[in-house]
Amino acid sequence: MEDCIFCKIIHQEIPSKIVFENDLVIAFEDLNPVAPVHILIVPKKHIKSAMELTEDDAKFVSEVYMVAQQIAKEKGIAESGFRIVNNCGEDAGQTVKHIHFHLIGGKELGTM
């Protein structure tokens, strides 16, 4: 997708602080962090939102959680706890129309 900021990061057209990358996903630091650890984990396939996932896309979502686990350990938040958040749609706060997951931790986040 030409105008997608995450696709541009995936194709290294826009610089970012990448913390992980493989064939399925890329993970990088959020530009506007809400906690000491705030990483975006993005499937490399352009999927607009969770509502557009297909059975063939299950491997991307599974990989997001495996990568989140690895990053949480590396960032020292695996034991204290963290959140994995996906905003789906405008009312939920999805501002980039490319499915992505926020890994957030490093402080007490409270209950929702």
PDB file of N, CA and C in Angstrom:
ATOM      1  N   MET A   1       0.857  -1.174   0.000  1.00  0.00           N
ATOM      2  CA  MET A   1       0.000   0.000   0.000  1.00  0.00           C
ATOM      3  C   MET A   1       0.900   1.233   0.000  1.00  0.00           C
ATOM      4  N   GLU A   2       0.770   2.053  -0.992  1.00  0.00           N
ATOM      5  CA  GLU A   2       1.691   3.180  -1.204  1.00  0.00           C
ATOM      6  C   GLU A   2       1.712   4.210  -0.087  1.00  0.00           C
ATOM      7  N   ASP A   3       0.555   4.576   0.461  1.00  0.00           N
ATOM      8  CA  ASP A   3       0.518   5.668   1.425  1.00  0.00           C
ATOM      9  C   ASP A   3       0.512   5.197   2.879  1.00  0.00           C
ATOM     10  N   CYS A   4       0.750   3.923   3.126  1.00  0.00           N
ATOM     11  CA  CYS A   4       0.732   3.373   4.482  1.00  0.00           C
ATOM     12  C   CYS A   4       2.085   3.608   5.161  1.00  0.00           C
ATOM     13  N   ILE A   5       2.063   4.297   6.285  1.00  0.00           N
ATOM     14  CA  ILE A   5       3.312   4.598   6.997  1.00  0.00           C
ATOM     15  C   ILE A   5       4.007   3.325   7.470  1.00  0.00           C
ATOM     16  N   PHE A   6       3.241   2.317   7.901  1.00  0.00           N
ATOM     17  CA  PHE A   6       3.867   1.084   8.366  1.00  0.00           C
ATOM     18  C   PHE A   6       4.480   0.304   7.208  1.00  0.00           C
ATOM     19  N   CYS A   7       3.835   0.321   6.055  1.00  0.00           N
ATOM     20  CA  CYS A   7       4.435  -0.325   4.877  1.00  0.00           C
ATOM     21  C   CYS A   7       5.742   0.364   4.506  1.00  0.00           C
ATOM     22  N   LYS A   8       5.777   1.681   4.653  1.00  0.00           N
ATOM     23  CA  LYS A   8       7.008   2.413   4.357  1.00  0.00           C
ATOM     24  C   LYS A   8       8.113   2.058   5.346  1.00  0.00           C
ATOM     25  N   ILE A   9       7.757   1.838   6.612  1.00  0.00           N
ATOM     26  CA  ILE A   9       8.751   1.407   7.602  1.00  0.00           C
ATOM     27  C   ILE A   9       9.229   0.000   7.266  1.00  0.00           C
ATOM     28  N   ILE A  10       8.304  -0.886   6.913  1.00  0.00           N
ATOM     29  CA  ILE A  10       8.648  -2.263   6.541  1.00  0.00           C
ATOM     30  C   ILE A  10       9.645  -2.271   5.380  1.00  0.00           C
ATOM     31  N   HIS A  11       9.430  -1.386   4.402  1.00  0.00           N
ATOM     32  CA  HIS A  11      10.308  -1.323   3.229  1.00  0.00           C
ATOM     33  C   HIS A  11      11.495  -0.379   3.419  1.00  0.00           C
ATOM     34  N   GLN A  12      11.701   0.072   4.662  1.00  0.00           N
ATOM     35  CA  GLN A  12      12.820   0.940   5.050  1.00  0.00           C
ATOM     36  C   GLN A  12      12.850   2.250   4.278  1.00  0.00           C
ATOM     37  N   GLU A  13      11.681   2.748   3.920  1.00  0.00           N
ATOM     38  CA  GLU A  13      11.569   4.063   3.285  1.00  0.00           C
ATOM     39  C   GLU A  13      11.481   5.169   4.321  1.00  0.00           C
ATOM     40  N   ILE A  14      11.121   4.802   5.546  1.00  0.00           N
ATOM     41  CA  ILE A  14      11.056   5.727   6.678  1.00  0.00           C
ATOM     42  C   ILE A  14      11.898   5.113   7.792  1.00  0.00           C
ATOM     43  N   PRO A  15      12.805   5.876   8.378  1.00  0.00           N
ATOM     44  CA  PRO A  15      13.629   5.317   9.459  1.00  0.00           C
ATOM     45  C   PRO A  15      12.801   5.078  10.721  1.00  0.00           C
ATOM     46  N   SER A  16      13.182   4.066  11.459  1.00  0.00           N
ATOM     47  CA  SER A  16      12.555   3.784  12.751  1.00  0.00           C
ATOM     48  C   SER A  16      13.556   3.013  13.600  1.00  0.00           C
ATOM     49  N   LYS A  17      13.270   2.947  14.884  1.00  0.00           N
ATOM     50  CA  LYS A  17      14.141   2.213  15.806  1.00  0.00           C
ATOM     51  C   LYS A  17      13.626   0.785  15.893  1.00  0.00           C
ATOM     52  N   ILE A  18      14.103  -0.039  14.980  1.00  0.00           N
ATOM     53  CA  ILE A  18      13.662  -1.427  14.887  1.00  0.00           C
ATOM     54  C   ILE A  18      14.306  -2.243  16.011  1.00  0.00           C
ATOM     55  N   VAL A  19      13.463  -3.008  16.723  1.00  0.00           N
ATOM     56  CA  VAL A  19      13.971  -3.860  17.798  1.00  0.00           C
ATOM     57  C   VAL A  19      13.892  -5.338  17.427  1.00  0.00           C
ATOM     58  N   PHE A  20      13.138  -5.671  16.379  1.00  0.00           N
ATOM     59  CA  PHE A  20      13.022  -7.061  15.918  1.00  0.00           C
ATOM     60  C   PHE A  20      12.485  -7.062  14.496  1.00  0.00           C
ATOM     61  N   GLU A  21      12.949  -8.049  13.722  1.00  0.00           N
ATOM     62  CA  GLU A  21      12.417  -8.215  12.375  1.00  0.00           C
ATOM     63  C   GLU A  21      12.662  -9.639  11.910  1.00  0.00           C
ATOM     64  N   ASN A  22      11.643 -10.215  11.272  1.00  0.00           N
ATOM     65  CA  ASN A  22      11.802 -11.496  10.597  1.00  0.00           C
ATOM     66  C   ASN A  22      10.944 -11.477   9.334  1.00  0.00           C
ATOM     67  N   ASP A  23      10.674 -12.614   8.750  1.00  0.00           N
ATOM     68  CA  ASP A  23       9.921 -12.661   7.492  1.00  0.00           C
ATOM     69  C   ASP A  23       8.454 -12.258   7.648  1.00  0.00           C
ATOM     70  N   LEU A  24       7.903 -12.392   8.856  1.00  0.00           N
ATOM     71  CA  LEU A  24       6.477 -12.154   9.054  1.00  0.00           C
ATOM     72  C   LEU A  24       6.134 -10.816   9.698  1.00  0.00           C
ATOM     73  N   VAL A  25       6.986 -10.362  10.630  1.00  0.00           N
ATOM     74  CA  VAL A  25       6.667  -9.143  11.379  1.00  0.00           C
ATOM     75  C   VAL A  25       7.892  -8.255  11.542  1.00  0.00           C
ATOM     76  N   ILE A  26       7.587  -7.019  11.892  1.00  0.00           N
ATOM     77  CA  ILE A  26       8.629  -6.061  12.265  1.00  0.00           C
ATOM     78  C   ILE A  26       8.165  -5.398  13.561  1.00  0.00           C
ATOM     79  N   ALA A  27       9.097  -5.093  14.445  1.00  0.00           N
ATOM     80  CA  ALA A  27       8.773  -4.440  15.707  1.00  0.00           C
ATOM     81  C   ALA A  27       9.696  -3.241  15.878  1.00  0.00           C
ATOM     82  N   PHE A  28       9.092  -2.121  16.288  1.00  0.00           N
ATOM     83  CA  PHE A  28       9.871  -0.888  16.438  1.00  0.00           C
ATOM     84  C   PHE A  28       9.288  -0.034  17.550  1.00  0.00           C
ATOM     85  N   GLU A  29      10.099   0.884  18.045  1.00  0.00           N
ATOM     86  CA  GLU A  29       9.683   1.763  19.134  1.00  0.00           C
ATOM     87  C   GLU A  29       8.609   2.730  18.653  1.00  0.00           C
ATOM     88  N   ASP A  30       7.586   2.914  19.496  1.00  0.00           N
ATOM     89  CA  ASP A  30       6.515   3.865  19.199  1.00  0.00           C
ATOM     90  C   ASP A  30       7.068   5.286  19.314  1.00  0.00           C
ATOM     91  N   LEU A  31       6.677   6.155  18.389  1.00  0.00           N
ATOM     92  CA  LEU A  31       7.149   7.552  18.422  1.00  0.00           C
ATOM     93  C   LEU A  31       6.545   8.345  19.575  1.00  0.00           C
ATOM     94  N   ASN A  32       5.385   7.926  20.067  1.00  0.00           N
ATOM     95  CA  ASN A  32       4.706   8.608  21.168  1.00  0.00           C
ATOM     96  C   ASN A  32       4.409   7.601  22.280  1.00  0.00           C
ATOM     97  N   PRO A  33       5.448   7.175  22.984  1.00  0.00           N
ATOM     98  CA  PRO A  33       5.248   6.119  23.981  1.00  0.00           C
ATOM     99  C   PRO A  33       4.377   6.562  25.153  1.00  0.00           C
ATOM    100  N   VAL A  34       3.569   5.617  25.644  1.00  0.00           N
ATOM    101  CA  VAL A  34       2.730   5.879  26.814  1.00  0.00           C
ATOM    102  C   VAL A  34       3.289   5.202  28.060  1.00  0.00           C
ATOM    103  N   ALA A  35       4.405   4.488  27.898  1.00  0.00           N
ATOM    104  CA  ALA A  35       5.067   3.792  29.002  1.00  0.00           C
ATOM    105  C   ALA A  35       6.547   3.660  28.655  1.00  0.00           C
ATOM    106  N   PRO A  36       7.369   3.314  29.650  1.00  0.00           N
ATOM    107  CA  PRO A  36       8.800   3.151  29.368  1.00  0.00           C
ATOM    108  C   PRO A  36       9.097   2.167  28.233  1.00  0.00           C
ATOM    109  N   VAL A  37       8.294   1.117  28.120  1.00  0.00           N
ATOM    110  CA  VAL A  37       8.405   0.194  26.991  1.00  0.00           C
ATOM    111  C   VAL A  37       7.126   0.330  26.179  1.00  0.00           C
ATOM    112  N   HIS A  38       7.262   0.740  24.935  1.00  0.00           N
ATOM    113  CA  HIS A  38       6.108   0.852  24.034  1.00  0.00           C
ATOM    114  C   HIS A  38       6.605   0.531  22.630  1.00  0.00           C
ATOM    115  N   ILE A  39       6.368  -0.709  22.247  1.00  0.00           N
ATOM    116  CA  ILE A  39       6.841  -1.236  20.973  1.00  0.00           C
ATOM    117  C   ILE A  39       5.639  -1.556  20.091  1.00  0.00           C
ATOM    118  N   LEU A  40       5.718  -1.215  18.838  1.00  0.00           N
ATOM    119  CA  LEU A  40       4.699  -1.610  17.874  1.00  0.00           C
ATOM    120  C   LEU A  40       5.170  -2.866  17.157  1.00  0.00           C
ATOM    121  N   ILE A  41       4.303  -3.858  17.092  1.00  0.00           N
ATOM    122  CA  ILE A  41       4.598  -5.093  16.374  1.00  0.00           C
ATOM    123  C   ILE A  41       3.630  -5.161  15.205  1.00  0.00           C
ATOM    124  N   VAL A  42       4.185  -5.196  14.000  1.00  0.00           N
ATOM    125  CA  VAL A  42       3.394  -5.019  12.782  1.00  0.00           C
ATOM    126  C   VAL A  42       3.621  -6.181  11.812  1.00  0.00           C
ATOM    127  N   PRO A  43       2.546  -6.863  11.411  1.00  0.00           N
ATOM    128  CA  PRO A  43       2.711  -7.865  10.353  1.00  0.00           C
ATOM    129  C   PRO A  43       3.226  -7.212   9.072  1.00  0.00           C
ATOM    130  N   LYS A  44       4.081  -7.907   8.351  1.00  0.00           N
ATOM    131  CA  LYS A  44       4.616  -7.349   7.111  1.00  0.00           C
ATOM    132  C   LYS A  44       3.598  -7.376   5.973  1.00  0.00           C
ATOM    133  N   LYS A  45       2.565  -8.185   6.110  1.00  0.00           N
ATOM    134  CA  LYS A  45       1.491  -8.183   5.129  1.00  0.00           C
ATOM    135  C   LYS A  45       0.539  -7.040   5.465  1.00  0.00           C
ATOM    136  N   HIS A  46       0.162  -6.252   4.473  1.00  0.00           N
ATOM    137  CA  HIS A  46      -0.768  -5.152   4.725  1.00  0.00           C
ATOM    138  C   HIS A  46      -2.181  -5.718   4.915  1.00  0.00           C
ATOM    139  N   ILE A  47      -2.650  -5.621   6.138  1.00  0.00           N
ATOM    140  CA  ILE A  47      -4.008  -6.008   6.513  1.00  0.00           C
ATOM    141  C   ILE A  47      -4.584  -4.785   7.213  1.00  0.00           C
ATOM    142  N   LYS A  48      -5.708  -4.275   6.752  1.00  0.00           N
ATOM    143  CA  LYS A  48      -6.224  -3.011   7.282  1.00  0.00           C
ATOM    144  C   LYS A  48      -6.558  -3.051   8.767  1.00  0.00           C
ATOM    145  N   SER A  49      -7.196  -4.117   9.237  1.00  0.00           N
ATOM    146  CA  SER A  49      -7.585  -4.181  10.642  1.00  0.00           C
ATOM    147  C   SER A  49      -7.861  -5.623  11.030  1.00  0.00           C
ATOM    148  N   ALA A  50      -8.139  -5.844  12.303  1.00  0.00           N
ATOM    149  CA  ALA A  50      -8.469  -7.186  12.777  1.00  0.00           C
ATOM    150  C   ALA A  50      -9.720  -7.721  12.084  1.00  0.00           C
ATOM    151  N   MET A  51     -10.586  -6.849  11.649  1.00  0.00           N
ATOM    152  CA  MET A  51     -11.809  -7.267  10.958  1.00  0.00           C
ATOM    153  C   MET A  51     -11.534  -7.792   9.555  1.00  0.00           C
ATOM    154  N   GLU A  52     -10.335  -7.607   9.050  1.00  0.00           N
ATOM    155  CA  GLU A  52      -9.992  -8.073   7.706  1.00  0.00           C
ATOM    156  C   GLU A  52      -9.097  -9.311   7.724  1.00  0.00           C
ATOM    157  N   LEU A  53      -8.824  -9.842   8.904  1.00  0.00           N
ATOM    158  CA  LEU A  53      -8.012 -11.046   9.005  1.00  0.00           C
ATOM    159  C   LEU A  53      -8.733 -12.241   8.391  1.00  0.00           C
ATOM    160  N   THR A  54      -7.964 -13.109   7.761  1.00  0.00           N
ATOM    161  CA  THR A  54      -8.498 -14.350   7.215  1.00  0.00           C
ATOM    162  C   THR A  54      -7.797 -15.517   7.916  1.00  0.00           C
ATOM    163  N   GLU A  55      -8.285 -16.723   7.675  1.00  0.00           N
ATOM    164  CA  GLU A  55      -7.630 -17.893   8.257  1.00  0.00           C
ATOM    165  C   GLU A  55      -6.174 -17.986   7.813  1.00  0.00           C
ATOM    166  N   ASP A  56      -5.894 -17.559   6.604  1.00  0.00           N
ATOM    167  CA  ASP A  56      -4.514 -17.587   6.100  1.00  0.00           C
ATOM    168  C   ASP A  56      -3.607 -16.618   6.849  1.00  0.00           C
ATOM    169  N   ASP A  57      -4.192 -15.638   7.527  1.00  0.00           N
ATOM    170  CA  ASP A  57      -3.418 -14.631   8.253  1.00  0.00           C
ATOM    171  C   ASP A  57      -3.101 -15.036   9.691  1.00  0.00           C
ATOM    172  N   ALA A  58      -3.593 -16.178  10.127  1.00  0.00           N
ATOM    173  CA  ALA A  58      -3.384 -16.609  11.514  1.00  0.00           C
ATOM    174  C   ALA A  58      -1.905 -16.660  11.880  1.00  0.00           C
ATOM    175  N   LYS A  59      -1.070 -17.002  10.928  1.00  0.00           N
ATOM    176  CA  LYS A  59       0.374 -17.099  11.203  1.00  0.00           C
ATOM    177  C   LYS A  59       0.945 -15.743  11.621  1.00  0.00           C
ATOM    178  N   PHE A  60       0.390 -14.651  11.095  1.00  0.00           N
ATOM    179  CA  PHE A  60       0.890 -13.324  11.459  1.00  0.00           C
ATOM    180  C   PHE A  60       0.532 -12.982  12.907  1.00  0.00           C
ATOM    181  N   VAL A  61      -0.688 -13.260  13.289  1.00  0.00           N
ATOM    182  CA  VAL A  61      -1.129 -12.956  14.654  1.00  0.00           C
ATOM    183  C   VAL A  61      -0.381 -13.828  15.660  1.00  0.00           C
ATOM    184  N   SER A  62      -0.224 -15.087  15.332  1.00  0.00           N
ATOM    185  CA  SER A  62       0.535 -15.983  16.191  1.00  0.00           C
ATOM    186  C   SER A  62       1.968 -15.481  16.368  1.00  0.00           C
ATOM    187  N   GLU A  63       2.570 -15.047  15.282  1.00  0.00           N
ATOM    188  CA  GLU A  63       3.949 -14.542  15.336  1.00  0.00           C
ATOM    189  C   GLU A  63       4.046 -13.281  16.175  1.00  0.00           C
ATOM    190  N   VAL A  64       3.038 -12.423  16.106  1.00  0.00           N
ATOM    191  CA  VAL A  64       3.025 -11.208  16.933  1.00  0.00           C
ATOM    192  C   VAL A  64       3.167 -11.582  18.406  1.00  0.00           C
ATOM    193  N   TYR A  65       2.420 -12.574  18.849  1.00  0.00           N
ATOM    194  CA  TYR A  65       2.471 -12.960  20.254  1.00  0.00           C
ATOM    195  C   TYR A  65       3.786 -13.638  20.626  1.00  0.00           C
ATOM    196  N   MET A  66       4.358 -14.405  19.727  1.00  0.00           N
ATOM    197  CA  MET A  66       5.653 -15.020  19.997  1.00  0.00           C
ATOM    198  C   MET A  66       6.747 -13.950  20.096  1.00  0.00           C
ATOM    199  N   VAL A  67       6.679 -12.978  19.207  1.00  0.00           N
ATOM    200  CA  VAL A  67       7.653 -11.881  19.216  1.00  0.00           C
ATOM    201  C   VAL A  67       7.452 -11.005  20.455  1.00  0.00           C
ATOM    202  N   ALA A  68       6.210 -10.751  20.826  1.00  0.00           N
ATOM    203  CA  ALA A  68       5.931  -9.957  22.032  1.00  0.00           C
ATOM    204  C   ALA A  68       6.554 -10.622  23.255  1.00  0.00           C
ATOM    205  N   GLN A  69       6.423 -11.923  23.337  1.00  0.00           N
ATOM    206  CA  GLN A  69       7.016 -12.672  24.446  1.00  0.00           C
ATOM    207  C   GLN A  69       8.538 -12.487  24.479  1.00  0.00           C
ATOM    208  N   GLN A  70       9.163 -12.597  23.337  1.00  0.00           N
ATOM    209  CA  GLN A  70      10.623 -12.439  23.255  1.00  0.00           C
ATOM    210  C   GLN A  70      11.049 -11.017  23.632  1.00  0.00           C
ATOM    211  N   ILE A  71      10.364 -10.021  23.089  1.00  0.00           N
ATOM    212  CA  ILE A  71      10.715  -8.623  23.389  1.00  0.00           C
ATOM    213  C   ILE A  71      10.483  -8.313  24.862  1.00  0.00           C
ATOM    214  N   ALA A  72       9.398  -8.826  25.432  1.00  0.00           N
ATOM    215  CA  ALA A  72       9.119  -8.589  26.854  1.00  0.00           C
ATOM    216  C   ALA A  72      10.255  -9.122  27.722  1.00  0.00           C
ATOM    217  N   LYS A  73      10.778 -10.274  27.361  1.00  0.00           N
ATOM    218  CA  LYS A  73      11.920 -10.826  28.105  1.00  0.00           C
ATOM    219  C   LYS A  73      13.149  -9.938  27.938  1.00  0.00           C
ATOM    220  N   GLU A  74      13.416  -9.524  26.699  1.00  0.00           N
ATOM    221  CA  GLU A  74      14.597  -8.681  26.429  1.00  0.00           C
ATOM    222  C   GLU A  74      14.512  -7.327  27.127  1.00  0.00           C
ATOM    223  N   LYS A  75      13.321  -6.779  27.231  1.00  0.00           N
ATOM    224  CA  LYS A  75      13.128  -5.454  27.845  1.00  0.00           C
ATOM    225  C   LYS A  75      12.924  -5.526  29.357  1.00  0.00           C
ATOM    226  N   GLY A  76      12.912  -6.747  29.918  1.00  0.00           N
ATOM    227  CA  GLY A  76      12.806  -6.907  31.364  1.00  0.00           C
ATOM    228  C   GLY A  76      11.408  -6.687  31.920  1.00  0.00           C
ATOM    229  N   ILE A  77      10.381  -6.887  31.107  1.00  0.00           N
ATOM    230  CA  ILE A  77       9.007  -6.687  31.599  1.00  0.00           C
ATOM    231  C   ILE A  77       8.190  -7.976  31.613  1.00  0.00           C
ATOM    232  N   ALA A  78       8.816  -9.083  31.280  1.00  0.00           N
ATOM    233  CA  ALA A  78       8.084 -10.357  31.214  1.00  0.00           C
ATOM    234  C   ALA A  78       7.527 -10.758  32.580  1.00  0.00           C
ATOM    235  N   GLU A  79       8.291 -10.550  33.613  1.00  0.00           N
ATOM    236  CA  GLU A  79       7.857 -10.954  34.963  1.00  0.00           C
ATOM    237  C   GLU A  79       6.900  -9.945  35.581  1.00  0.00           C
ATOM    238  N   SER A  80       7.154  -8.658  35.391  1.00  0.00           N
ATOM    239  CA  SER A  80       6.315  -7.633  36.029  1.00  0.00           C
ATOM    240  C   SER A  80       4.980  -7.458  35.315  1.00  0.00           C
ATOM    241  N   GLY A  81       4.946  -7.745  34.018  1.00  0.00           N
ATOM    242  CA  GLY A  81       3.695  -7.681  33.272  1.00  0.00           C
ATOM    243  C   GLY A  81       3.700  -6.627  32.184  1.00  0.00           C
ATOM    244  N   PHE A  82       2.825  -6.829  31.234  1.00  0.00           N
ATOM    245  CA  PHE A  82       2.725  -5.933  30.088  1.00  0.00           C
ATOM    246  C   PHE A  82       1.372  -6.118  29.428  1.00  0.00           C
ATOM    247  N   ARG A  83       1.060  -5.242  28.503  1.00  0.00           N
ATOM    248  CA  ARG A  83      -0.154  -5.343  27.708  1.00  0.00           C
ATOM    249  C   ARG A  83       0.198  -5.512  26.243  1.00  0.00           C
ATOM    250  N   ILE A  84      -0.665  -6.224  25.544  1.00  0.00           N
ATOM    251  CA  ILE A  84      -0.631  -6.275  24.094  1.00  0.00           C
ATOM    252  C   ILE A  84      -1.989  -5.744  23.650  1.00  0.00           C
ATOM    253  N   VAL A  85      -1.972  -4.624  22.922  1.00  0.00           N
ATOM    254  CA  VAL A  85      -3.211  -3.940  22.563  1.00  0.00           C
ATOM    255  C   VAL A  85      -3.305  -3.810  21.049  1.00  0.00           C
ATOM    256  N   ASN A  86      -4.506  -4.103  20.539  1.00  0.00           N
ATOM    257  CA  ASN A  86      -4.804  -3.874  19.131  1.00  0.00           C
ATOM    258  C   ASN A  86      -6.047  -3.005  19.059  1.00  0.00           C
ATOM    259  N   ASN A  87      -5.919  -1.845  18.462  1.00  0.00           N
ATOM    260  CA  ASN A  87      -7.070  -0.963  18.255  1.00  0.00           C
ATOM    261  C   ASN A  87      -7.678  -1.294  16.902  1.00  0.00           C
ATOM    262  N   CYS A  88      -8.984  -1.539  16.885  1.00  0.00           N
ATOM    263  CA  CYS A  88      -9.659  -1.924  15.649  1.00  0.00           C
ATOM    264  C   CYS A  88     -10.768  -0.927  15.345  1.00  0.00           C
ATOM    265  N   GLY A  89     -10.531  -0.085  14.356  1.00  0.00           N
ATOM    266  CA  GLY A  89     -11.533   0.902  13.945  1.00  0.00           C
ATOM    267  C   GLY A  89     -11.338   2.255  14.598  1.00  0.00           C
ATOM    268  N   GLU A  90     -11.974   3.236  14.018  1.00  0.00           N
ATOM    269  CA  GLU A  90     -11.807   4.615  14.469  1.00  0.00           C
ATOM    270  C   GLU A  90     -12.242   4.841  15.913  1.00  0.00           C
ATOM    271  N   ASP A  91     -13.385   4.274  16.325  1.00  0.00           N
ATOM    272  CA  ASP A  91     -13.853   4.474  17.693  1.00  0.00           C
ATOM    273  C   ASP A  91     -12.906   3.879  18.728  1.00  0.00           C
ATOM    274  N   ALA A  92     -12.108   2.915  18.314  1.00  0.00           N
ATOM    275  CA  ALA A  92     -11.132   2.293  19.221  1.00  0.00           C
ATOM    276  C   ALA A  92      -9.790   3.009  19.192  1.00  0.00           C
ATOM    277  N   GLY A  93      -9.645   3.988  18.306  1.00  0.00           N
ATOM    278  CA  GLY A  93      -8.402   4.745  18.240  1.00  0.00           C
ATOM    279  C   GLY A  93      -7.409   4.261  17.203  1.00  0.00           C
ATOM    280  N   GLN A  94      -7.849   3.426  16.263  1.00  0.00           N
ATOM    281  CA  GLN A  94      -6.937   2.987  15.205  1.00  0.00           C
ATOM    282  C   GLN A  94      -6.720   4.144  14.240  1.00  0.00           C
ATOM    283  N   THR A  95      -5.502   4.663  14.209  1.00  0.00           N
ATOM    284  CA  THR A  95      -5.192   5.813  13.356  1.00  0.00           C
ATOM    285  C   THR A  95      -4.448   5.412  12.088  1.00  0.00           C
ATOM    286  N   VAL A  96      -3.772   4.264  12.117  1.00  0.00           N
ATOM    287  CA  VAL A  96      -3.072   3.762  10.934  1.00  0.00           C
ATOM    288  C   VAL A  96      -3.835   2.523  10.463  1.00  0.00           C
ATOM    289  N   LYS A  97      -4.251   2.519   9.235  1.00  0.00           N
ATOM    290  CA  LYS A  97      -5.050   1.417   8.689  1.00  0.00           C
ATOM    291  C   LYS A  97      -4.167   0.270   8.209  1.00  0.00           C
ATOM    292  N   HIS A  98      -3.376  -0.244   9.134  1.00  0.00           N
ATOM    293  CA  HIS A  98      -2.529  -1.430   8.949  1.00  0.00           C
ATOM    294  C   HIS A  98      -2.506  -2.078  10.318  1.00  0.00           C
ATOM    295  N   ILE A  99      -3.021  -3.299  10.409  1.00  0.00           N
ATOM    296  CA  ILE A  99      -3.113  -3.943  11.723  1.00  0.00           C
ATOM    297  C   ILE A  99      -1.759  -3.902  12.434  1.00  0.00           C
ATOM    298  N   HIS A 100      -1.810  -3.554  13.722  1.00  0.00           N
ATOM    299  CA  HIS A 100      -0.595  -3.496  14.524  1.00  0.00           C
ATOM    300  C   HIS A 100      -0.954  -3.692  15.989  1.00  0.00           C
ATOM    301  N   PHE A 101       0.041  -4.077  16.745  1.00  0.00           N
ATOM    302  CA  PHE A 101      -0.157  -4.411  18.149  1.00  0.00           C
ATOM    303  C   PHE A 101       0.833  -3.610  18.985  1.00  0.00           C
ATOM    304  N   HIS A 102       0.338  -3.011  20.059  1.00  0.00           N
ATOM    305  CA  HIS A 102       1.168  -2.237  20.978  1.00  0.00           C
ATOM    306  C   HIS A 102       1.593  -3.151  22.124  1.00  0.00           C
ATOM    307  N   LEU A 103       2.892  -3.283  22.342  1.00  0.00           N
ATOM    308  CA  LEU A 103       3.435  -3.965  23.505  1.00  0.00           C
ATOM    309  C   LEU A 103       3.818  -2.861  24.480  1.00  0.00           C
ATOM    310  N   ILE A 104       3.122  -2.821  25.619  1.00  0.00           N
ATOM    311  CA  ILE A 104       3.263  -1.707  26.555  1.00  0.00           C
ATOM    312  C   ILE A 104       3.595  -2.250  27.946  1.00  0.00           C
ATOM    313  N   GLY A 105       4.598  -1.675  28.574  1.00  0.00           N
ATOM    314  CA  GLY A 105       4.959  -2.089  29.928  1.00  0.00           C
ATOM    315  C   GLY A 105       6.056  -1.233  30.509  1.00  0.00           C
ATOM    316  N   GLY A 106       6.580  -1.680  31.628  1.00  0.00           N
ATOM    317  CA  GLY A 106       7.660  -0.935  32.295  1.00  0.00           C
ATOM    318  C   GLY A 106       7.174  -0.020  33.386  1.00  0.00           C
ATOM    319  N   LYS A 107       5.859  -0.039  33.662  1.00  0.00           N
ATOM    320  CA  LYS A 107       5.272   0.703  34.769  1.00  0.00           C
ATOM    321  C   LYS A 107       3.922   0.061  35.074  1.00  0.00           C
ATOM    322  N   GLU A 108       3.378   0.395  36.231  1.00  0.00           N
ATOM    323  CA  GLU A 108       2.066  -0.139  36.567  1.00  0.00           C
ATOM    324  C   GLU A 108       1.034   0.509  35.649  1.00  0.00           C
ATOM    325  N   LEU A 109       0.273  -0.311  34.969  1.00  0.00           N
ATOM    326  CA  LEU A 109      -0.688   0.187  33.994  1.00  0.00           C
ATOM    327  C   LEU A 109      -2.105   0.286  34.553  1.00  0.00           C
ATOM    328  N   GLY A 110      -2.349  -0.321  35.689  1.00  0.00           N
ATOM    329  CA  GLY A 110      -3.687  -0.267  36.271  1.00  0.00           C
ATOM    330  C   GLY A 110      -4.646  -1.184  35.542  1.00  0.00           C
ATOM    331  N   THR A 111      -5.882  -1.127  35.955  1.00  0.00           N
ATOM    332  CA  THR A 111      -6.908  -1.972  35.334  1.00  0.00           C
ATOM    333  C   THR A 111      -7.682  -1.174  34.317  1.00  0.00           C
ATOM    334  N   MET A 112      -8.310  -1.905  33.434  1.00  0.00           N
ATOM    335  CA  MET A 112      -9.109  -1.247  32.390  1.00  0.00           C
ATOM    336  C   MET A 112     -10.580  -1.428  32.699  1.00  0.00           C
TER     337      MET A 112
END
